Amino acid sequence: MNRFDLKPSRQLLGVLVMAHSLALVMVFLAALPPGVKAAAAALVLVSAYYYVRREALRAAPDAIVALHLGAARACTLETVGGACWEGNVLNTSFVSAKLAIVNVRLAAKRKVRHVVVLSDTLAAEDFRRLRVLLRWRCGWRGKHVAAARGKSRR
């Protein structure tokens, strides 16, 4: 089983802060009553706190800090709180040069967890190894992208 220990991501932190900041600007520019603006701004701030803590800083109890890829599509996720969740990597996972989004259907909870892995989350060699495993060993080869390209050419 291949183990990947995930570190906090400065890149993801930057993206999340920028996206939530833009959302706050849009809330205050919208023609809404002050009470609605305040409520919407509060929701954006709660969202920022939750996702920065869980996804970028990996500090929340349910934040994923280790990813184990096994045979075929088998996967185990480890959290900060010490929980281990078994599941399978889905075809909807995404892999590029700087980003991997691993979608895992959890066996026990029957829900999907998304693990965002940027290039600064792992050592360079580990990130390359993760991308290769997701593309070949786990069967993700961008089939849905190739299918979409084939349909658009007709």
Protein backbone atom coordinates (compact mmCIF):
# COMPACT_ATOMS: atom_id res chain seq x y z
CA MET A 1 0.00 0.00 0.00
CA ASN A 2 1.33 3.44 -0.96
CA ARG A 3 1.18 6.00 1.84
CA PHE A 4 1.12 9.75 1.24
CA ASP A 5 1.46 12.05 4.27
CA LEU A 6 -0.23 15.35 3.44
CA LYS A 7 1.20 18.66 4.69
CA PRO A 8 -0.63 21.99 5.01
CA SER A 9 -0.78 23.84 1.69
CA ARG A 10 0.15 27.50 1.31
CA GLN A 11 -1.13 27.47 -2.27
CA LEU A 12 -4.55 26.22 -1.22
CA LEU A 13 -4.59 28.70 1.66
CA GLY A 14 -4.01 31.52 -0.82
CA VAL A 15 -6.72 30.30 -3.18
CA LEU A 16 -9.26 29.91 -0.38
CA VAL A 17 -8.51 33.32 1.13
CA MET A 18 -8.76 35.00 -2.30
CA ALA A 19 -12.01 33.22 -3.19
CA HIS A 20 -13.66 34.05 0.12
CA SER A 21 -12.41 37.64 -0.02
CA LEU A 22 -13.92 38.02 -3.48
CA ALA A 23 -17.18 36.54 -2.19
CA LEU A 24 -17.20 39.10 0.65
CA VAL A 25 -16.65 41.95 -1.81
CA MET A 26 -19.53 40.68 -3.94
CA VAL A 27 -21.80 40.49 -0.89
CA PHE A 28 -21.09 44.11 0.04
CA LEU A 29 -21.48 45.31 -3.57
CA ALA A 30 -24.83 43.57 -3.97
CA ALA A 31 -27.99 45.64 -3.67
CA LEU A 32 -29.27 43.91 -0.56
CA PRO A 33 -30.67 45.14 2.75
CA PRO A 34 -27.99 45.57 5.44
CA GLY A 35 -29.32 42.64 7.49
CA VAL A 36 -29.08 40.28 4.52
CA LYS A 37 -25.57 41.54 3.73
CA ALA A 38 -24.51 40.91 7.32
CA ALA A 39 -25.96 37.39 7.31
CA ALA A 40 -24.35 36.57 3.94
CA ALA A 41 -20.99 37.96 5.09
CA ALA A 42 -21.21 35.87 8.26
CA LEU A 43 -21.85 32.74 6.18
CA VAL A 44 -18.86 33.51 3.93
CA LEU A 45 -16.63 33.99 6.98
CA VAL A 46 -17.82 30.73 8.55
CA SER A 47 -17.13 28.96 5.25
CA ALA A 48 -13.65 30.50 5.07
CA TYR A 49 -12.83 29.41 8.63
CA TYR A 50 -14.11 25.87 8.05
CA TYR A 51 -12.35 25.19 4.74
CA VAL A 52 -9.08 26.94 5.57
CA ARG A 53 -8.84 24.99 8.82
CA ARG A 54 -9.85 21.65 7.29
CA GLU A 55 -8.39 21.69 3.77
CA ALA A 56 -5.47 24.14 3.74
CA LEU A 57 -4.10 23.97 7.31
CA ARG A 58 -5.23 20.38 7.95
CA ALA A 59 -5.96 21.26 11.59
CA ALA A 60 -9.62 20.22 12.01
CA PRO A 61 -10.33 16.83 13.63
CA ASP A 62 -11.79 15.51 10.34
CA ALA A 63 -8.95 16.90 8.17
CA ILE A 64 -7.27 14.24 6.07
CA VAL A 65 -3.55 13.98 6.82
CA ALA A 66 -2.67 10.68 5.13
CA LEU A 67 -3.84 8.90 2.02
CA HIS A 68 -3.14 5.19 1.45
CA LEU A 69 -3.65 3.82 -2.05
CA GLY A 70 -3.93 0.06 -2.26
CA ALA A 71 -4.63 -2.46 -4.99
CA ALA A 72 -6.93 -1.37 -7.80
CA ARG A 73 -9.04 1.49 -6.38
CA ALA A 74 -8.80 0.69 -2.66
CA CYS A 75 -8.02 3.68 -0.49
CA THR A 76 -7.73 4.51 3.21
CA LEU A 77 -7.94 8.05 4.56
CA GLU A 78 -6.45 9.03 7.94
CA THR A 79 -7.67 12.09 9.82
CA VAL A 80 -6.06 14.38 12.40
CA GLY A 81 -8.39 12.87 15.00
CA GLY A 82 -6.98 9.40 14.32
CA ALA A 83 -9.95 7.98 12.41
CA CYS A 84 -9.30 5.74 9.41
CA TRP A 85 -11.88 5.57 6.64
CA GLU A 86 -11.82 2.84 3.99
CA GLY A 87 -13.15 3.51 0.52
CA ASN A 88 -12.61 3.40 -3.22
CA VAL A 89 -11.15 6.04 -5.54
CA LEU A 90 -13.78 7.22 -8.03
CA ASN A 91 -13.39 7.87 -11.77
CA THR A 92 -14.32 11.49 -11.11
CA SER A 93 -10.92 12.15 -9.54
CA PHE A 94 -8.84 14.78 -11.34
CA VAL A 95 -5.11 14.82 -12.01
CA SER A 96 -2.97 17.58 -13.53
CA ALA A 97 0.62 18.79 -13.24
CA LYS A 98 0.02 20.93 -10.14
CA LEU A 99 -3.24 19.57 -8.71
CA ALA A 100 -4.84 16.25 -7.85
CA ILE A 101 -8.36 15.94 -6.52
CA VAL A 102 -8.94 12.44 -5.18
CA ASN A 103 -12.64 11.60 -4.84
CA VAL A 104 -13.13 8.68 -2.46
CA ARG A 105 -16.43 6.90 -1.82
CA LEU A 106 -16.29 5.88 1.82
CA ALA A 107 -17.47 2.34 2.45
CA ALA A 108 -18.93 2.79 5.93
CA LYS A 109 -20.49 6.22 5.51
CA ARG A 110 -21.69 5.81 1.92
CA LYS A 111 -20.62 9.34 1.10
CA VAL A 112 -17.83 10.87 -0.95
CA ARG A 113 -14.82 12.71 0.49
CA HIS A 114 -12.70 14.91 -1.74
CA VAL A 115 -8.98 15.21 -1.02
CA VAL A 116 -7.36 18.28 -2.60
CA VAL A 117 -3.63 17.74 -3.14
CA LEU A 118 -1.58 20.60 -4.57
CA SER A 119 2.07 20.35 -5.50
CA ASP A 120 3.15 21.89 -2.18
CA THR A 121 1.18 19.33 -0.14
CA LEU A 122 3.66 16.52 -0.83
CA ALA A 123 7.34 16.23 -1.64
CA ALA A 124 7.92 16.51 -5.40
CA GLU A 125 8.66 12.80 -5.85
CA ASP A 126 5.63 11.76 -3.77
CA PHE A 127 3.36 14.08 -5.75
CA ARG A 128 4.64 12.59 -9.01
CA ARG A 129 4.11 9.07 -7.65
CA LEU A 130 0.54 9.95 -6.57
CA ARG A 131 -0.27 11.34 -10.02
CA VAL A 132 1.11 8.24 -11.73
CA LEU A 133 -0.83 5.91 -9.42
CA LEU A 134 -4.07 7.79 -9.95
CA ARG A 135 -3.65 7.80 -13.72
CA TRP A 136 -2.56 4.21 -14.23
CA ARG A 137 -2.88 1.89 -11.28
CA CYS A 138 -6.21 3.21 -10.07
CA GLY A 139 -7.54 3.36 -13.61
CA TRP A 140 -8.03 7.13 -13.96
CA ARG A 141 -6.89 8.08 -17.44
CA GLY A 142 -9.14 11.00 -18.16
CA LYS A 143 -11.73 8.87 -19.96
CA HIS A 144 -14.48 11.41 -19.37
CA VAL A 145 -12.24 14.16 -20.83
CA ALA A 146 -11.46 12.06 -23.89
CA ALA A 147 -15.15 11.23 -24.31
CA ALA A 148 -16.09 14.91 -24.10
CA ARG A 149 -13.47 15.81 -26.72
CA GLY A 150 -14.75 13.08 -29.02
CA LYS A 151 -18.36 14.32 -28.69
CA SER A 152 -17.42 17.95 -29.37
CA ARG A 153 -15.72 17.08 -32.67
CA ARG A 154 -18.86 15.59 -34.19
